[in-house]
Protein backbone atom coordinates (compact mmCIF):
# COMPACT_ATOMS: atom_id res chain seq x y z
CA MET A 1 -4.72 -5.19 -11.51
CA LYS A 2 -8.05 -5.62 -12.25
CA ALA A 3 -10.52 -2.64 -12.40
CA LEU A 4 -14.33 -0.62 -13.98
CA LEU A 5 -12.87 1.15 -16.52
CA LEU A 6 -14.16 4.43 -17.73
CA LYS A 7 -13.28 4.25 -21.82
CA ASP A 8 -14.56 8.06 -22.60
CA LYS A 9 -16.72 11.05 -20.84
CA GLY A 10 -20.50 9.72 -21.34
CA LEU A 11 -19.01 6.42 -21.23
CA TRP A 12 -19.96 5.40 -17.86
CA LYS A 13 -22.60 2.92 -18.69
CA GLU A 14 -20.66 0.78 -20.95
CA MET A 15 -17.55 0.42 -18.04
CA LYS A 16 -16.50 -3.69 -17.66
CA VAL A 17 -13.68 -4.58 -16.09
CA GLU A 18 -10.78 -5.22 -17.68
CA GLU A 19 -6.65 -5.28 -16.80
CA THR A 20 -4.66 -2.38 -16.17
CA ASP A 21 -2.04 -0.71 -14.23
CA THR A 22 -1.37 -1.17 -11.28
CA PRO A 23 -0.82 2.46 -9.53
CA GLN A 24 2.58 3.41 -7.99
CA PRO A 25 2.37 5.53 -4.50
CA GLY A 26 4.73 8.72 -5.27
CA LYS A 27 5.62 10.87 -1.76
CA GLY A 28 3.56 11.40 1.26
CA GLU A 29 1.05 8.87 -0.65
CA ILE A 30 0.15 5.30 -0.22
CA LEU A 31 -1.41 2.67 -2.28
CA VAL A 32 -4.06 0.15 -0.65
CA GLU A 33 -5.59 -3.05 -2.00
CA VAL A 34 -9.03 -2.13 -2.52
CA HIS A 35 -11.54 -4.62 0.08
CA ALA A 36 -15.14 -2.07 -0.73
CA ALA A 37 -16.14 1.19 -2.66
CA GLY A 38 -18.94 3.31 -1.86
CA LEU A 39 -21.31 4.24 -5.01
CA ASN A 40 -22.61 7.76 -5.38
CA PRO A 41 -24.32 9.87 -7.85
CA VAL A 42 -21.03 12.41 -8.11
CA ASP A 43 -19.58 9.28 -9.77
CA TYR A 44 -22.45 8.87 -12.96
CA LYS A 45 -22.09 13.37 -13.43
CA THR A 46 -18.14 13.64 -13.53
CA GLY A 47 -18.57 10.28 -15.71
CA THR A 48 -20.80 11.99 -17.49
CA ASN A 49 -18.83 14.99 -18.22
CA GLY A 50 -15.44 13.80 -17.57
CA LEU A 51 -12.67 16.76 -16.22
CA PRO A 52 -9.88 17.44 -18.24
CA ALA A 53 -7.53 16.55 -15.32
CA TRP A 54 -8.18 12.58 -16.68
CA SER A 55 -6.52 10.26 -19.15
CA TYR A 56 -8.42 7.25 -20.05
CA PRO A 57 -8.86 4.56 -19.53
CA HIS A 58 -10.12 6.60 -16.19
CA VAL A 59 -11.22 4.99 -12.74
CA LEU A 60 -14.40 6.22 -10.83
CA GLY A 61 -14.58 5.73 -7.08
CA LEU A 62 -14.16 7.83 -4.24
CA ASP A 63 -15.36 6.09 -0.86
CA VAL A 64 -13.04 3.17 -0.46
CA ALA A 65 -12.24 0.73 2.20
CA GLY A 66 -9.71 -1.67 2.13
CA THR A 67 -5.17 -2.20 3.32
CA VAL A 68 -2.22 -0.27 3.18
CA ALA A 69 -0.34 -2.50 0.09
CA GLU A 70 2.16 0.34 0.18
CA VAL A 71 3.20 3.30 0.98
CA GLY A 72 5.25 6.27 -0.24
CA GLU A 73 8.35 8.02 0.30
CA GLY A 74 7.90 10.23 3.81
CA VAL A 75 4.80 7.97 5.18
CA THR A 76 5.00 7.23 8.80
CA GLU A 77 1.96 6.47 10.35
CA TRP A 78 1.01 4.07 8.31
CA GLU A 79 2.05 0.01 7.99
CA LYS A 80 1.15 -2.37 5.29
CA GLY A 81 -1.91 -4.04 6.34
CA ASP A 82 -3.31 -1.28 8.37
CA ARG A 83 -7.17 -0.90 7.63
CA VAL A 84 -7.84 2.26 6.07
CA LEU A 85 -10.75 4.20 4.94
CA TYR A 86 -11.22 7.62 2.99
CA HIS A 87 -12.54 9.90 0.55
CA GLY A 88 -10.73 10.22 -2.79
CA ASP A 89 -9.81 12.88 -5.39
CA PHE A 90 -11.38 13.18 -8.14
CA THR A 91 -9.07 14.72 -10.83
CA LYS A 92 -6.46 11.13 -10.53
CA LYS A 93 -8.26 7.38 -11.09
CA GLY A 94 -10.34 6.11 -7.71
CA GLY A 95 -11.87 2.65 -6.13
CA TYR A 96 -13.37 0.66 -8.81
CA ALA A 97 -10.43 -1.35 -8.64
CA GLU A 98 -8.15 -4.20 -6.65
CA PHE A 99 -5.99 -1.10 -6.22
CA ALA A 100 -5.42 2.50 -5.35
CA VAL A 101 -3.31 5.77 -4.93
CA ILE A 102 -4.12 7.97 -1.97
CA ASN A 103 -2.50 11.04 -0.22
CA ALA A 104 -2.09 10.00 3.24
CA ARG A 105 -2.94 12.78 5.08
CA THR A 106 -6.34 12.18 4.71
CA VAL A 107 -6.79 8.39 5.53
CA ALA A 108 -8.94 7.32 8.28
CA ARG A 109 -8.30 3.88 10.19
CA ILE A 110 -11.32 1.38 10.23
CA PRO A 111 -12.03 0.09 13.67
CA ASP A 112 -11.39 -3.84 13.47
CA ASN A 113 -15.63 -4.77 14.38
CA VAL A 114 -16.29 -2.30 11.45
CA SER A 115 -17.04 -3.92 8.21
CA PHE A 116 -14.90 -2.73 5.21
CA GLU A 117 -18.19 -2.59 3.49
CA THR A 118 -19.83 -1.07 5.86
CA ALA A 119 -16.84 1.39 5.73
CA ALA A 120 -17.02 2.21 1.80
CA ALA A 121 -20.70 3.62 2.76
CA LEU A 122 -19.44 6.45 4.71
CA PRO A 123 -17.10 9.05 2.84
CA THR A 124 -19.17 11.32 0.12
CA ALA A 125 -22.09 10.90 1.34
CA GLY A 126 -20.82 11.01 5.02
CA TYR A 127 -18.80 13.12 5.55
CA THR A 128 -20.33 15.58 3.38
CA ALA A 129 -22.93 15.66 6.06
CA TYR A 130 -20.89 16.08 8.66
CA GLN A 131 -19.37 18.86 7.31
CA ALA A 132 -22.46 20.87 6.74
CA LEU A 133 -23.37 20.81 10.81
CA PHE A 134 -20.22 20.52 11.72
CA ARG A 135 -17.90 23.33 9.81
CA LYS A 136 -20.25 25.25 8.42
CA LEU A 137 -23.81 25.31 10.75
CA PRO A 138 -23.35 27.74 13.60
CA MET A 139 -25.17 25.15 15.68
CA ASP A 140 -25.43 26.36 19.11
CA ASN A 141 -27.76 28.69 17.52
CA VAL A 142 -29.60 26.21 15.12
CA ASN A 143 -32.27 24.63 16.80
CA THR A 144 -35.03 23.73 14.30
CA LEU A 145 -33.34 22.01 10.99
CA LEU A 146 -34.66 20.95 7.39
CA ILE A 147 -32.75 17.89 6.00
CA HIS A 148 -33.62 17.19 2.22
CA GLY A 149 -33.44 13.73 0.94
CA GLY A 150 -33.44 11.84 4.46
CA ALA A 151 -33.92 7.93 2.39
CA GLY A 152 -31.13 8.57 0.55
CA GLY A 153 -26.96 9.72 1.59
CA VAL A 154 -26.42 13.09 2.30
CA GLY A 155 -29.85 13.17 4.44
CA GLY A 156 -29.93 10.64 5.79
CA PHE A 157 -26.55 11.06 7.40
CA GLY A 158 -27.70 14.66 7.78
CA VAL A 159 -30.56 13.40 10.04
CA GLN A 160 -29.10 11.02 12.53
CA LEU A 161 -26.12 12.85 13.12
CA ALA A 162 -28.51 16.16 13.89
CA LYS A 163 -30.66 14.03 15.93
CA MET A 164 -27.57 12.94 18.06
CA ALA A 165 -26.67 16.88 18.48
CA GLY A 166 -30.50 17.36 20.05
CA LYS A 167 -32.15 19.19 17.33
CA THR A 168 -35.26 19.60 16.21
CA VAL A 169 -34.96 17.65 12.27
CA ILE A 170 -37.92 18.30 9.80
CA SER A 171 -37.79 16.11 6.52
CA THR A 172 -38.74 15.42 2.41
CA ALA A 173 -39.06 11.70 1.13
CA SER A 174 -41.42 9.86 -0.82
CA SER A 175 -44.54 9.09 1.72
CA HIS A 176 -43.13 5.11 1.22
CA ASN A 177 -40.12 6.18 3.11
CA HIS A 178 -41.31 8.34 5.54
CA GLU A 179 -41.35 5.50 8.41
CA TYR A 180 -37.33 4.72 7.51
CA VAL A 181 -36.57 8.17 7.68
CA LYS A 182 -38.51 9.09 11.49
CA SER A 183 -36.70 5.66 11.98
CA LEU A 184 -33.20 7.48 11.32
CA GLY A 185 -34.32 10.22 13.14
CA ALA A 186 -36.59 12.34 11.31
CA ASP A 187 -39.23 14.16 13.63
CA HIS A 188 -41.33 15.19 10.59
CA VAL A 189 -41.38 14.13 7.45
CA ILE A 190 -43.07 16.01 4.53
CA ASP A 191 -43.75 14.24 1.13
CA TYR A 192 -42.25 16.37 -1.30
CA ARG A 193 -44.40 15.34 -4.31
CA GLU A 194 -47.71 15.85 -2.69
CA GLU A 195 -47.08 18.83 -0.30
CA ASN A 196 -45.51 21.94 -0.83
CA VAL A 197 -42.56 21.41 1.46
CA ALA A 198 -42.25 25.48 1.99
CA GLU A 199 -45.68 25.83 3.44
CA LYS A 200 -45.86 23.01 5.15
CA VAL A 201 -42.29 23.87 7.20
CA MET A 202 -43.82 26.89 8.75
CA GLU A 203 -47.00 25.09 9.78
CA LEU A 204 -44.89 22.93 11.17
CA THR A 205 -42.67 25.90 13.18
CA ASN A 206 -45.60 28.48 14.00
CA GLY A 207 -45.04 30.68 11.10
CA LEU A 208 -40.97 30.99 12.57
CA GLY A 209 -38.93 28.20 9.76
CA VAL A 210 -36.58 27.10 9.91
CA ASP A 211 -33.03 28.06 11.52
CA ALA A 212 -31.12 25.52 8.90
CA VAL A 213 -31.24 24.05 5.63
CA VAL A 214 -29.28 21.03 3.98
CA ASP A 215 -29.92 20.83 0.63
CA ALA A 216 -28.32 18.16 -1.61
CA VAL A 217 -31.13 18.47 -4.26
CA SER A 218 -30.87 20.60 -7.20
CA ARG A 219 -29.98 24.13 -7.56
CA GLN A 220 -34.22 24.47 -7.47
CA SER A 221 -34.60 23.05 -4.29
CA ALA A 222 -32.22 24.99 -2.32
CA THR A 223 -33.98 28.34 -4.01
CA ASP A 224 -37.18 26.43 -2.51
CA SER A 225 -36.44 25.83 0.75
CA LEU A 226 -35.78 30.17 1.37
CA ASP A 227 -39.05 30.23 1.67
CA ALA A 228 -38.43 28.03 4.99
CA LEU A 229 -35.81 29.98 6.40
CA SER A 230 -35.97 31.76 9.78
CA TYR A 231 -34.93 34.93 10.20
CA MET A 232 -31.24 35.27 10.62
CA GLY A 233 -31.82 31.16 9.04
CA HIS A 234 -28.82 29.22 7.18
CA ILE A 235 -28.99 27.23 4.47
CA VAL A 236 -26.14 24.54 3.06
CA TYR A 237 -26.37 23.80 -0.54
CA ILE A 238 -24.14 20.75 -2.41
CA ALA A 239 -25.85 20.79 -5.70
CA GLY A 240 -26.00 24.43 -7.04
CA ALA A 241 -26.57 27.51 -5.05
CA PRO A 242 -29.93 29.02 -4.25
CA ASP A 243 -31.15 32.40 -5.84
CA MET A 244 -30.78 34.40 -3.86
CA SER A 245 -32.56 37.55 -5.89
CA LYS A 246 -36.03 36.02 -4.51
CA ILE A 247 -34.78 37.41 -0.99
CA ALA A 248 -35.94 40.95 -0.69
CA PRO A 249 -32.90 42.97 0.67
CA PHE A 250 -33.92 43.43 4.83
CA THR A 251 -35.83 41.43 5.50
CA LYS A 252 -34.17 37.96 6.12
CA VAL A 253 -30.93 38.30 5.72
CA LEU A 254 -29.92 34.84 5.16
CA SER A 255 -26.00 33.43 5.68
CA VAL A 256 -25.25 30.81 2.69
CA HIS A 257 -22.50 28.00 2.81
CA GLU A 258 -21.16 26.16 0.05
CA ILE A 259 -19.72 21.86 0.96
CA ALA A 260 -17.10 20.17 -2.08
CA LEU A 261 -15.79 17.48 -0.89
CA ALA A 262 -13.24 17.88 -3.77
CA ALA A 263 -12.26 20.93 -2.96
CA GLY A 264 -10.14 20.36 0.12
CA HIS A 265 -7.73 17.86 -2.04
CA GLN A 266 -7.49 20.35 -4.94
CA SER A 267 -7.29 23.42 -1.78
CA GLY A 268 -3.32 22.59 -1.26
CA ASN A 269 -4.76 23.15 2.23
CA ILE A 270 -3.13 20.78 4.68
CA HIS A 271 -5.71 21.15 7.18
CA ALA A 272 -8.67 20.67 5.35
CA GLU A 273 -6.47 17.43 3.86
CA LYS A 274 -6.16 16.25 7.98
CA ASP A 275 -9.57 17.12 8.00
CA PHE A 276 -11.07 14.40 6.01
CA ALA A 277 -9.28 11.95 8.44
CA VAL A 278 -10.87 13.08 11.24
CA ILE A 279 -13.85 13.89 10.26
CA GLY A 280 -13.67 9.83 9.31
CA GLU A 281 -12.74 8.70 12.39
CA GLU A 282 -15.24 10.26 13.75
CA MET A 283 -18.08 8.87 12.03
CA LEU A 284 -15.98 5.75 12.30
CA LYS A 285 -16.19 6.17 15.76
CA LEU A 286 -19.78 6.19 15.83
CA VAL A 287 -20.46 3.48 14.25
CA SER A 288 -18.56 1.21 15.88
CA GLU A 289 -20.17 2.43 19.42
CA GLY A 290 -23.40 1.61 17.16
CA LYS A 291 -24.47 4.94 17.58
CA LEU A 292 -24.22 5.89 13.78
CA ASP A 293 -26.63 2.96 11.20
CA ALA A 294 -24.10 3.36 7.99
CA MET A 295 -27.39 3.23 5.82
CA LEU A 296 -25.55 0.05 3.83
CA LYS A 297 -28.71 -1.22 2.10
CA GLU A 298 -27.22 -2.74 -0.47
CA THR A 299 -23.58 -5.10 -2.01
CA ILE A 300 -22.55 -5.75 -5.00
CA ALA A 301 -20.41 -6.76 -6.87
CA LEU A 302 -17.76 -4.97 -9.42
CA GLU A 303 -19.49 -5.73 -12.38
CA GLU A 304 -22.17 -4.01 -11.38
CA VAL A 305 -21.21 -1.04 -11.24
CA PRO A 306 -22.59 0.52 -14.23
CA ALA A 307 -26.39 -0.70 -13.47
CA ALA A 308 -26.04 0.15 -9.90
CA LEU A 309 -25.01 4.43 -11.00
CA GLU A 310 -27.69 3.73 -13.04
CA ARG A 311 -30.65 3.00 -10.80
CA LEU A 312 -29.17 6.17 -8.47
CA SER A 313 -29.13 8.30 -11.43
CA GLU A 314 -33.42 8.21 -11.33
CA ARG A 315 -33.03 9.73 -7.27
CA HIS A 316 -35.02 6.60 -5.97
CA VAL A 317 -32.30 4.23 -4.25
CA LYS A 318 -32.86 4.55 -0.41
CA GLY A 319 -29.38 4.52 1.32
CA LYS A 320 -25.65 2.86 0.38
CA ILE A 321 -24.78 0.84 -2.00
CA VAL A 322 -21.62 -0.75 -1.78
CA ALA A 323 -18.82 -2.59 -4.57
CA ARG A 324 -17.44 -5.50 -2.83
CA ILE A 325 -14.29 -5.83 -4.86
CA LYS A 326 -11.91 -8.14 -2.25
């Protein structure tokens, strides 16, 4: 099969499409013919540092949409030709290839009216936002949220999902993206380069702060966001834990939540694995019904992935980029 091959850690910018062996599904797995694969920051981050579990050449790409090509031993819920979407296990070879293998329990079914490219925009960013809001936060007690990076993947899905849940949403974005983020559902958008985000949040909330923060930017951003939280507030972090030492004891009594999709694959917990499929099918249903924008902004060829990942690494890409494989 053809695949975009990473020859060694740190060489993701030099990846080229070459021939390699087609993987075979093991017990409980399916072989997927890849039609589209989504791009995410985790690709260039892991591509830079590598993982001990990898052998080279390695194949990156976690977000895969395609059709079932073959089922492994014990798989009864899928048949050849089924349209499927999944978030991949980053310790294994990924979806920037014509074929890829995945644990059958983690796979969601793509509705007929959703394209492979649209579906492939969802998993890493969308599932992360969904987990943050509906697996970690006590949403019944959350009325206002600060969701960072509303023009990006996790932030954009988070803004939409939180607004669908009836919440007041504050987001951050560069000024030229403010109208776009508002179109996704944000009630207020703060230019993080021109304004002090925590001070602006306090102004918008009459000095109370928000009930929850979702931060997928950085450890520093998460730490700075502590100042925007209300008493008994919650912070969900994806890109680094906040430094809680800046909060004086017996003041805000905050709750801190970690999101790491990779842990679901590594946990050995069947419920965690099956929940990927549950989240995927719920999000695909929302897309199918026109309630959720997959934010697909650009479709590229497999050969163009390295250059697109380089643009992603500069942190100013709006929405999602997807590679069309078939």
